[in-house]
């Protein structure tokens, strides 16, 4: 059976109520998800690992009412039981593999009883994964993230359901693709430039052409909701 083509937010809203909830977005990037959920009534906190990484989200914030903090997933800068939901939207695999369980433990610590941890991770397959692998091989980190989710009961989190789906990444040109993957990790820049010619060829061959130019890449995803006992 094929996976449904949908959006990350649609899947998230189908698994957990958001309006009125205190939500921490771990690895908020440029803040697009954070602002979207704030507009839907969630009280959002976005976290990145440095002031530099937060700069884009802060610059793009349009009085969403969200707050922003600097911190690491392994040591969340929040009090015990202070939020209703912790989100890892494509961010768990960016945490060192040895710290995956600690990151889930920290999420469990800051979530109130009856709350949840939501993890959506890209699966190691598809054309987008092939493109990304030319810049950084994420096969093992993506597999490790899935293993950590299977072992989440060890830190007191109970699975409340999981689903697989696909999202469409649309890029006008290779520069748009570059901007996305460097936003996740700016240190990828030198490797990207060293392999630019190969990436240019692959960009024109993989994915699906879009009207007006550019390419559309499908990314298979797996989302899991982990409940904190009430």
Protein backbone atom coordinates (compact mmCIF):
# COMPACT_ATOMS: atom_id res chain seq x y z
CA UNK A 1 0.00 0.00 0.00
CA UNK A 2 1.35 3.42 -0.97
CA UNK A 3 1.84 6.19 1.55
CA UNK A 4 -0.50 9.17 1.47
CA UNK A 5 0.93 12.42 0.12
CA UNK A 6 0.07 15.02 2.74
CA UNK A 7 1.69 17.66 4.96
CA UNK A 8 3.52 17.41 8.27
CA UNK A 9 0.97 19.66 9.96
CA UNK A 10 -2.01 17.63 8.70
CA UNK A 11 -0.51 14.45 10.13
CA UNK A 12 0.36 16.16 13.41
CA UNK A 13 -3.14 17.60 13.82
CA UNK A 14 -4.62 14.20 13.08
CA UNK A 15 -2.71 12.65 15.98
CA UNK A 16 -2.78 15.29 18.72
CA UNK A 17 -4.86 18.36 19.62
CA UNK A 18 -2.86 21.59 19.50
CA UNK A 19 -5.13 24.55 20.33
CA UNK A 20 -4.38 25.98 23.74
CA UNK A 21 -1.45 23.64 24.37
CA UNK A 22 2.02 24.63 25.54
CA UNK A 23 4.32 23.22 22.87
CA UNK A 24 8.12 23.03 22.61
CA UNK A 25 9.53 22.73 19.08
CA UNK A 26 13.00 21.16 19.41
CA UNK A 27 15.17 22.30 16.53
CA UNK A 28 12.74 24.90 15.23
CA UNK A 29 14.99 25.95 12.32
CA UNK A 30 13.59 28.98 10.54
CA UNK A 31 10.38 28.78 12.56
CA UNK A 32 7.86 28.01 9.79
CA UNK A 33 6.23 25.16 11.74
CA UNK A 34 6.29 27.16 14.95
CA UNK A 35 4.49 30.11 13.36
CA UNK A 36 1.96 27.82 11.68
CA UNK A 37 1.07 26.10 14.95
CA UNK A 38 0.92 29.42 16.82
CA UNK A 39 -1.63 30.61 14.27
CA UNK A 40 -3.67 27.50 15.07
CA UNK A 41 -3.84 28.37 18.74
CA UNK A 42 -0.83 26.60 20.24
CA UNK A 43 1.40 28.48 22.68
CA UNK A 44 4.77 27.87 21.10
CA UNK A 45 8.36 27.82 22.31
CA UNK A 46 11.04 27.33 19.68
CA UNK A 47 14.49 26.02 20.57
CA UNK A 48 17.77 25.96 18.68
CA UNK A 49 21.30 25.13 19.75
CA UNK A 50 22.70 28.66 19.39
CA UNK A 51 21.75 32.29 18.96
CA UNK A 52 23.05 32.05 15.40
CA UNK A 53 20.74 29.13 14.62
CA UNK A 54 17.80 31.02 16.13
CA UNK A 55 18.44 34.19 14.13
CA UNK A 56 16.39 33.19 11.07
CA UNK A 57 13.34 32.22 13.13
CA UNK A 58 13.51 35.44 15.13
CA UNK A 59 13.85 37.52 11.98
CA UNK A 60 10.83 35.85 10.38
CA UNK A 61 8.55 36.00 13.43
CA UNK A 62 5.57 38.24 12.77
CA UNK A 63 4.33 38.84 16.32
CA UNK A 64 3.22 35.22 16.64
CA UNK A 65 3.45 35.45 20.43
CA UNK A 66 5.98 32.63 20.49
CA UNK A 67 9.06 32.60 22.66
CA UNK A 68 12.52 31.33 21.79
CA UNK A 69 15.24 29.66 23.81
CA UNK A 70 18.75 28.37 23.21
CA UNK A 71 19.49 24.86 24.40
CA UNK A 72 20.27 21.26 23.58
CA UNK A 73 17.79 18.39 23.39
CA UNK A 74 19.93 16.46 25.86
CA UNK A 75 19.55 19.27 28.44
CA UNK A 76 16.31 21.10 27.78
CA UNK A 77 16.22 24.58 29.38
CA UNK A 78 12.68 24.05 30.72
CA UNK A 79 11.29 23.09 34.10
CA UNK A 80 9.84 19.68 34.88
CA UNK A 81 6.26 19.27 33.66
CA UNK A 82 6.12 22.70 32.03
CA UNK A 83 4.68 21.87 28.57
CA UNK A 84 1.93 19.71 27.11
CA UNK A 85 3.77 18.58 23.99
CA UNK A 86 7.36 18.30 22.79
CA UNK A 87 7.89 18.19 19.01
CA UNK A 88 10.83 16.66 17.22
CA UNK A 89 10.03 17.53 13.60
CA UNK A 90 12.91 16.01 11.59
CA UNK A 91 15.25 16.88 14.44
CA UNK A 92 15.87 13.67 16.41
CA UNK A 93 18.33 12.33 13.83
CA UNK A 94 20.38 15.54 14.07
CA UNK A 95 21.12 14.74 17.72
CA UNK A 96 24.22 12.56 18.31
CA UNK A 97 23.19 8.90 18.23
CA UNK A 98 24.54 8.27 21.72
CA UNK A 99 22.20 11.00 23.02
CA UNK A 100 18.93 9.92 21.39
CA UNK A 101 17.63 8.20 24.52
CA UNK A 102 18.70 11.13 26.71
CA UNK A 103 16.83 13.53 24.41
CA UNK A 104 13.65 11.47 24.77
CA UNK A 105 14.20 11.28 28.53
CA UNK A 106 14.47 15.07 28.69
CA UNK A 107 11.31 15.43 26.62
CA UNK A 108 9.55 13.09 29.05
CA UNK A 109 10.79 15.23 31.96
CA UNK A 110 9.41 18.53 30.71
CA UNK A 111 6.00 17.16 29.59
CA UNK A 112 3.11 17.21 32.05
CA UNK A 113 1.30 14.02 32.92
CA UNK A 114 -1.17 13.21 30.15
CA UNK A 115 0.90 15.12 27.62
CA UNK A 116 2.92 13.74 24.74
CA UNK A 117 6.10 13.70 22.70
CA UNK A 118 5.65 13.75 18.91
CA UNK A 119 8.47 12.63 16.65
CA UNK A 120 8.36 12.84 12.84
CA UNK A 121 11.44 11.51 11.09
CA UNK A 122 12.44 11.19 7.43
CA UNK A 123 12.93 7.59 6.38
CA UNK A 124 16.20 6.62 4.64
CA UNK A 125 14.70 6.17 1.18
CA UNK A 126 13.49 8.17 -1.82
CA UNK A 127 15.01 10.72 -4.18
CA UNK A 128 15.38 13.45 -1.56
CA UNK A 129 17.38 11.06 0.60
CA UNK A 130 19.57 10.22 -2.40
CA UNK A 131 20.27 13.92 -2.97
CA UNK A 132 20.99 14.60 0.69
CA UNK A 133 23.31 11.60 0.90
CA UNK A 134 25.65 13.29 -1.59
CA UNK A 135 26.26 15.96 1.05
CA UNK A 136 25.97 13.90 4.23
CA UNK A 137 25.31 10.19 4.69
CA UNK A 138 22.34 10.05 7.08
CA UNK A 139 21.56 6.35 6.73
CA UNK A 140 22.76 5.30 10.17
CA UNK A 141 21.47 8.35 12.06
CA UNK A 142 18.00 7.92 10.55
CA UNK A 143 18.00 4.23 11.44
CA UNK A 144 19.22 5.05 14.96
CA UNK A 145 16.37 7.51 15.46
CA UNK A 146 13.86 4.76 14.65
CA UNK A 147 15.58 2.40 17.08
CA UNK A 148 15.37 5.02 19.82
CA UNK A 149 11.62 5.33 19.26
CA UNK A 150 11.18 1.57 19.57
CA UNK A 151 12.93 1.76 22.95
CA UNK A 152 11.05 4.84 24.23
CA UNK A 153 9.27 2.82 26.93
CA UNK A 154 12.62 2.67 28.73
CA UNK A 155 12.30 6.40 29.51
CA UNK A 156 8.62 6.25 30.47
CA UNK A 157 6.98 7.04 27.14
CA UNK A 158 4.11 4.92 25.83
CA UNK A 159 3.42 4.61 22.10
CA UNK A 160 -0.02 5.96 21.20
CA UNK A 161 0.20 5.32 17.47
CA UNK A 162 2.40 5.78 14.44
CA UNK A 163 1.88 6.44 10.75
CA UNK A 164 3.90 6.69 7.55
CA UNK A 165 3.25 9.31 4.89
CA UNK A 166 5.00 11.35 2.21
CA UNK A 167 5.61 15.07 1.86
CA UNK A 168 6.56 16.95 -1.29
CA UNK A 169 9.65 19.13 -1.31
CA UNK A 170 9.47 21.68 -4.13
CA UNK A 171 12.64 23.49 -5.19
CA UNK A 172 12.88 26.12 -7.91
CA UNK A 173 16.54 25.30 -8.47
CA UNK A 174 19.59 23.77 -6.84
CA UNK A 175 20.16 26.89 -4.73
CA UNK A 176 16.77 26.43 -3.08
CA UNK A 177 17.74 22.85 -2.24
CA UNK A 178 21.09 24.07 -0.91
CA UNK A 179 19.43 26.64 1.33
CA UNK A 180 17.24 23.96 2.89
CA UNK A 181 19.92 21.44 3.74
CA UNK A 182 22.34 24.09 4.99
CA UNK A 183 19.63 25.51 7.24
CA UNK A 184 19.64 22.16 9.06
CA UNK A 185 23.45 22.14 9.32
CA UNK A 186 25.54 25.06 8.00
CA UNK A 187 28.70 22.94 8.19
CA UNK A 188 27.48 21.04 5.13
CA UNK A 189 28.43 24.04 2.99
CA UNK A 190 31.99 23.04 1.96
CA UNK A 191 30.91 19.50 1.01
CA UNK A 192 28.03 20.88 -1.02
CA UNK A 193 30.33 23.16 -2.97
CA UNK A 194 32.86 20.38 -3.56
CA UNK A 195 30.11 18.21 -5.04
CA UNK A 196 28.08 20.94 -6.72
CA UNK A 197 28.53 19.60 -10.26
CA UNK A 198 27.35 16.13 -9.27
CA UNK A 199 24.44 17.59 -7.30
CA UNK A 200 23.45 19.68 -10.32
CA UNK A 201 23.29 16.55 -12.48
CA UNK A 202 21.30 14.62 -9.88
CA UNK A 203 18.92 17.52 -9.32
CA UNK A 204 18.02 17.45 -13.01
CA UNK A 205 17.59 13.66 -13.06
CA UNK A 206 15.81 12.80 -9.80
CA UNK A 207 12.38 13.84 -8.58
CA UNK A 208 9.60 15.12 -10.80
CA UNK A 209 9.62 18.24 -13.00
CA UNK A 210 7.34 21.09 -11.95
CA UNK A 211 5.38 23.41 -14.20
CA UNK A 212 7.46 26.52 -14.66
CA UNK A 213 10.71 24.78 -13.77
CA UNK A 214 12.25 23.26 -10.71
CA UNK A 215 11.87 19.80 -9.25
CA UNK A 216 9.57 18.09 -6.75
CA UNK A 217 11.09 15.48 -4.44
CA UNK A 218 9.02 13.07 -2.38
CA UNK A 219 10.20 12.39 1.17
CA UNK A 220 8.81 9.34 3.01
CA UNK A 221 8.18 10.11 6.69
CA UNK A 222 7.25 8.21 9.84
CA UNK A 223 5.51 9.96 12.74
CA UNK A 224 4.98 8.52 16.20
CA UNK A 225 3.06 9.87 19.18
CA UNK A 226 4.45 8.94 22.59
CA UNK A 227 2.23 9.55 25.60
CA UNK A 228 3.29 10.51 29.12
CA UNK A 229 1.16 8.63 31.66
CA UNK A 230 -1.30 10.93 33.44
